[in-house]
Amino acid sequence: MRLTLRNIGPKTATWLRMVGVHSAEDLAALGAVQTYVKVRRAGFKPGINLLYMLEGALTDCHWQQIPEHRRAELVQAAEEALAQLPPPRGRPAAAPVTTTYHDEPTAPTFTLFDDEHAGDTDA
């Protein structure tokens, strides 16, 4: 089944399918905030506009027409819902990049013959 709703493009539709939202009824049952949280929890990194797009899909209006007071309510509800989530398991997805410097100024050099025996002519 293909999810076709206002404001929902191919990438968003793929994300929604991957988190179990396959129809307008699924989206309505969860609501914009919980759907947004599911997408974030699945590891995708949507912008806050996804929250507005989901609300617009539910109310059948363009996401830019969502009133400012409703946007503020959505953002507050999403932040509260995300704060309730447990921390991610395992190591973080990305860590700061660090540079390691070694104390040795140069790499060791190798010679073909031992230097301590270089002057010996005993054979």
Protein backbone atom coordinates (compact mmCIF):
# COMPACT_ATOMS: atom_id res chain seq x y z
CA MET A 1 0.00 0.00 0.00
CA ARG A 2 1.35 3.41 -0.89
CA LEU A 3 0.92 6.27 1.57
CA THR A 4 -0.21 9.37 -0.31
CA LEU A 5 -1.02 12.33 1.87
CA ARG A 6 -0.55 16.04 1.57
CA ASN A 7 2.99 17.17 2.54
CA ILE A 8 4.34 13.60 2.48
CA GLY A 9 7.06 13.10 -0.12
CA PRO A 10 8.80 9.87 -1.12
CA LYS A 11 11.51 10.05 1.55
CA THR A 12 9.04 10.78 4.34
CA ALA A 13 6.70 8.05 3.08
CA THR A 14 9.60 5.59 3.24
CA TRP A 15 10.42 6.62 6.80
CA LEU A 16 6.78 6.25 7.80
CA ARG A 17 6.51 2.79 6.26
CA MET A 18 9.70 1.72 8.02
CA VAL A 19 8.25 2.69 11.43
CA GLY A 20 4.91 0.98 10.76
CA VAL A 21 2.75 3.87 9.54
CA HIS A 22 1.17 2.58 6.33
CA SER A 23 -2.05 4.58 6.05
CA ALA A 24 -3.75 7.82 6.98
CA GLU A 25 -5.57 5.88 9.69
CA ASP A 26 -2.26 4.76 11.21
CA LEU A 27 -1.04 8.35 11.21
CA ALA A 28 -4.30 9.60 12.75
CA ALA A 29 -4.17 6.92 15.45
CA LEU A 30 -0.65 7.91 16.49
CA GLY A 31 -0.87 11.64 15.91
CA ALA A 32 1.81 13.94 14.57
CA VAL A 33 3.95 14.03 17.71
CA GLN A 34 4.10 10.28 18.35
CA THR A 35 4.78 9.58 14.68
CA TYR A 36 7.61 12.12 14.73
CA VAL A 37 9.03 10.46 17.86
CA LYS A 38 8.84 7.02 16.20
CA VAL A 39 10.77 8.29 13.19
CA ARG A 40 13.43 9.85 15.44
CA ARG A 41 13.60 6.73 17.61
CA ALA A 42 14.15 4.58 14.50
CA GLY A 43 17.42 6.43 13.93
CA PHE A 44 16.39 8.81 11.18
CA LYS A 45 17.31 12.45 11.60
CA PRO A 46 14.29 14.45 10.48
CA GLY A 47 14.09 18.19 10.84
CA ILE A 48 11.38 19.89 12.85
CA ASN A 49 9.53 20.52 9.58
CA LEU A 50 8.57 16.83 9.56
CA LEU A 51 6.49 17.49 12.64
CA TYR A 52 4.70 20.32 10.83
CA MET A 53 4.28 18.17 7.70
CA LEU A 54 2.66 15.39 9.70
CA GLU A 55 0.28 17.86 11.35
CA GLY A 56 -0.52 19.33 7.94
CA ALA A 57 -1.20 15.85 6.58
CA LEU A 58 -3.64 15.23 9.43
CA THR A 59 -5.42 18.57 9.02
CA ASP A 60 -5.19 18.56 5.20
CA CYS A 61 -3.33 21.85 4.92
CA HIS A 62 0.12 22.86 3.72
CA TRP A 63 2.66 22.60 6.52
CA GLN A 64 3.56 26.29 6.20
CA GLN A 65 -0.04 27.20 7.02
CA ILE A 66 0.13 25.65 10.49
CA PRO A 67 -0.42 28.58 12.91
CA GLU A 68 2.52 29.66 15.08
CA HIS A 69 0.75 28.83 18.34
CA ARG A 70 0.05 25.30 17.09
CA ARG A 71 3.67 24.93 15.97
CA ALA A 72 4.83 25.93 19.45
CA GLU A 73 2.47 23.34 21.00
CA LEU A 74 3.79 20.64 18.66
CA VAL A 75 7.43 21.45 19.38
CA GLN A 76 6.84 21.49 23.14
CA ALA A 77 4.98 18.16 23.01
CA ALA A 78 7.71 16.61 20.85
CA GLU A 79 10.48 17.81 23.17
CA GLU A 80 8.64 16.39 26.18
CA ALA A 81 8.07 13.06 24.41
CA LEU A 82 11.71 12.84 23.30
CA ALA A 83 12.90 13.63 26.83
CA GLN A 84 10.92 10.61 28.09
CA LEU A 85 12.80 8.22 25.83
CA PRO A 86 15.59 6.11 27.31
CA PRO A 87 19.12 6.87 26.13
CA PRO A 88 20.22 5.00 23.01
CA ARG A 89 21.84 1.62 23.55
CA GLY A 90 25.44 0.98 22.66
CA ARG A 91 27.87 3.62 21.65
CA PRO A 92 26.82 6.92 20.12
CA ALA A 93 26.38 7.05 16.37
CA ALA A 94 29.19 9.56 15.98
CA ALA A 95 31.88 10.80 18.29
CA PRO A 96 34.07 13.87 18.05
CA VAL A 97 37.08 13.47 15.81
CA THR A 98 40.41 13.58 17.62
CA THR A 99 43.97 13.70 16.36
CA THR A 100 46.64 11.64 18.07
CA TYR A 101 50.20 12.92 18.13
CA HIS A 102 53.07 10.57 18.95
CA ASP A 103 56.12 11.63 20.98
CA GLU A 104 58.60 10.16 18.48
CA PRO A 105 59.77 12.91 16.12
CA THR A 106 60.62 10.46 13.35
CA ALA A 107 60.11 6.83 12.61
CA PRO A 108 63.00 4.48 13.44
CA THR A 109 65.47 3.88 10.63
CA PHE A 110 66.75 0.46 9.69
CA THR A 111 70.16 -0.32 8.21
CA LEU A 112 71.32 -3.37 6.37
CA PHE A 113 74.34 -3.87 8.63
CA ASP A 114 74.71 -3.37 12.34
CA ASP A 115 76.41 -0.03 13.04
CA GLU A 116 78.50 -1.35 15.94
CA HIS A 117 80.25 -3.82 13.65
CA ALA A 118 80.68 -1.43 10.70
CA GLY A 119 84.37 -0.74 11.43
CA ASP A 120 85.32 -4.38 12.04
CA THR A 121 87.45 -5.92 9.34
CA ASP A 122 87.86 -9.28 11.06
CA ALA A 123 86.62 -11.93 8.76
